Amino acid sequence: MTKLIKEKEPSNALKKIVLLVFGLGPIFIMIWFLNSQGFFTPPGT
């Protein structure tokens, strides 16, 4: 009988890195973009 080869599960560190890049990354990019367009500056200044 042949044994089934178990695939390795991703490590917890890899899961956290993926969550950080794809979860928080776009939020920081949006904040940076809006700030560069003057979104957060009050009008008249």
N, C-alpha and C. Protein backbone atom coordinates (compact mmCIF):
# COMPACT_ATOMS: atom_id res chain seq x y z
N MET A 1 0.84 -1.19 0.00
CA MET A 1 0.00 0.00 0.00
C MET A 1 0.88 1.25 0.00
N THR A 2 0.44 2.23 -0.73
CA THR A 2 1.19 3.48 -0.75
C THR A 2 0.61 4.45 0.27
N LYS A 3 1.51 5.19 0.90
CA LYS A 3 1.08 6.18 1.87
C LYS A 3 0.71 7.47 1.15
N LEU A 4 -0.31 8.12 1.65
CA LEU A 4 -0.68 9.41 1.09
C LEU A 4 0.27 10.48 1.62
N ILE A 5 0.74 11.32 0.73
CA ILE A 5 1.67 12.38 1.12
C ILE A 5 0.83 13.56 1.61
N LYS A 6 1.06 13.96 2.84
CA LYS A 6 0.35 15.10 3.40
C LYS A 6 1.03 16.38 2.96
N GLU A 7 0.23 17.33 2.50
CA GLU A 7 0.80 18.62 2.13
C GLU A 7 1.03 19.42 3.41
N LYS A 8 2.11 20.19 3.39
CA LYS A 8 2.41 21.03 4.55
C LYS A 8 1.42 22.18 4.61
N GLU A 9 0.96 22.47 5.82
CA GLU A 9 0.09 23.62 6.01
C GLU A 9 0.95 24.86 6.14
N PRO A 10 0.46 26.00 5.66
CA PRO A 10 1.24 27.23 5.80
C PRO A 10 1.46 27.56 7.28
N SER A 11 2.61 28.09 7.57
CA SER A 11 2.93 28.42 8.97
C SER A 11 2.12 29.64 9.41
N ASN A 12 2.05 29.83 10.71
CA ASN A 12 1.32 30.98 11.25
C ASN A 12 1.97 32.29 10.84
N ALA A 13 3.28 32.32 10.76
CA ALA A 13 3.98 33.55 10.37
C ALA A 13 3.60 33.93 8.93
N LEU A 14 3.52 32.95 8.06
CA LEU A 14 3.15 33.23 6.67
C LEU A 14 1.72 33.75 6.59
N LYS A 15 0.84 33.18 7.38
CA LYS A 15 -0.55 33.64 7.40
C LYS A 15 -0.63 35.10 7.86
N LYS A 16 0.16 35.45 8.87
CA LYS A 16 0.14 36.82 9.38
C LYS A 16 0.71 37.80 8.35
N ILE A 17 1.74 37.40 7.63
CA ILE A 17 2.33 38.27 6.61
C ILE A 17 1.33 38.51 5.48
N VAL A 18 0.65 37.45 5.05
CA VAL A 18 -0.34 37.59 3.97
C VAL A 18 -1.47 38.49 4.43
N LEU A 19 -1.94 38.32 5.65
CA LEU A 19 -3.00 39.17 6.18
C LEU A 19 -2.55 40.62 6.24
N LEU A 20 -1.32 40.85 6.66
CA LEU A 20 -0.80 42.21 6.76
C LEU A 20 -0.71 42.86 5.39
N VAL A 21 -0.17 42.14 4.41
CA VAL A 21 0.04 42.70 3.07
C VAL A 21 -1.29 42.97 2.37
N PHE A 22 -2.19 41.98 2.38
CA PHE A 22 -3.44 42.12 1.62
C PHE A 22 -4.56 42.76 2.43
N GLY A 23 -4.41 42.84 3.75
CA GLY A 23 -5.45 43.45 4.57
C GLY A 23 -5.15 44.90 4.88
N LEU A 24 -3.97 45.15 5.44
CA LEU A 24 -3.64 46.51 5.85
C LEU A 24 -2.95 47.30 4.75
N GLY A 25 -2.29 46.63 3.84
CA GLY A 25 -1.58 47.30 2.76
C GLY A 25 -2.46 48.24 1.95
N PRO A 26 -3.59 47.77 1.44
CA PRO A 26 -4.46 48.67 0.66
C PRO A 26 -4.99 49.85 1.46
N ILE A 27 -5.22 49.64 2.76
CA ILE A 27 -5.70 50.75 3.60
C ILE A 27 -4.63 51.83 3.69
N PHE A 28 -3.37 51.43 3.92
CA PHE A 28 -2.29 52.42 3.99
C PHE A 28 -2.09 53.10 2.64
N ILE A 29 -2.25 52.37 1.56
CA ILE A 29 -2.10 52.98 0.22
C ILE A 29 -3.21 54.00 -0.02
N MET A 30 -4.44 53.69 0.39
CA MET A 30 -5.53 54.65 0.23
C MET A 30 -5.31 55.91 1.06
N ILE A 31 -4.84 55.74 2.31
CA ILE A 31 -4.58 56.89 3.17
C ILE A 31 -3.48 57.75 2.56
N TRP A 32 -2.42 57.11 2.06
CA TRP A 32 -1.32 57.86 1.44
C TRP A 32 -1.81 58.62 0.21
N PHE A 33 -2.62 57.97 -0.63
CA PHE A 33 -3.12 58.60 -1.85
C PHE A 33 -4.01 59.80 -1.52
N LEU A 34 -4.94 59.61 -0.57
CA LEU A 34 -5.82 60.71 -0.21
C LEU A 34 -5.05 61.87 0.40
N ASN A 35 -4.03 61.56 1.18
CA ASN A 35 -3.21 62.61 1.78
C ASN A 35 -2.44 63.36 0.70
N SER A 36 -1.95 62.64 -0.30
CA SER A 36 -1.19 63.31 -1.36
C SER A 36 -2.10 64.19 -2.23
N GLN A 37 -3.40 63.89 -2.25
CA GLN A 37 -4.35 64.70 -3.02
C GLN A 37 -4.93 65.86 -2.21
N GLY A 38 -4.50 65.98 -0.95
CA GLY A 38 -4.98 67.06 -0.11
C GLY A 38 -6.33 66.80 0.54
N PHE A 39 -6.72 65.57 0.67
CA PHE A 39 -8.03 65.21 1.22
C PHE A 39 -8.14 65.57 2.70
N PHE A 40 -7.06 65.44 3.44
CA PHE A 40 -7.11 65.64 4.89
C PHE A 40 -6.78 67.06 5.33
N THR A 41 -6.46 67.94 4.39
CA THR A 41 -6.19 69.33 4.75
C THR A 41 -7.50 70.10 4.76
N PRO A 42 -7.71 70.96 5.75
CA PRO A 42 -8.96 71.73 5.78
C PRO A 42 -9.02 72.73 4.63
N PRO A 43 -10.20 72.97 4.12
CA PRO A 43 -10.31 73.93 3.00
C PRO A 43 -9.93 75.34 3.43
N GLY A 44 -9.33 76.06 2.52
CA GLY A 44 -8.95 77.43 2.80
C GLY A 44 -7.55 77.59 3.34
N THR A 45 -6.81 76.50 3.49
CA THR A 45 -5.43 76.62 3.99
C THR A 45 -4.46 76.24 2.90
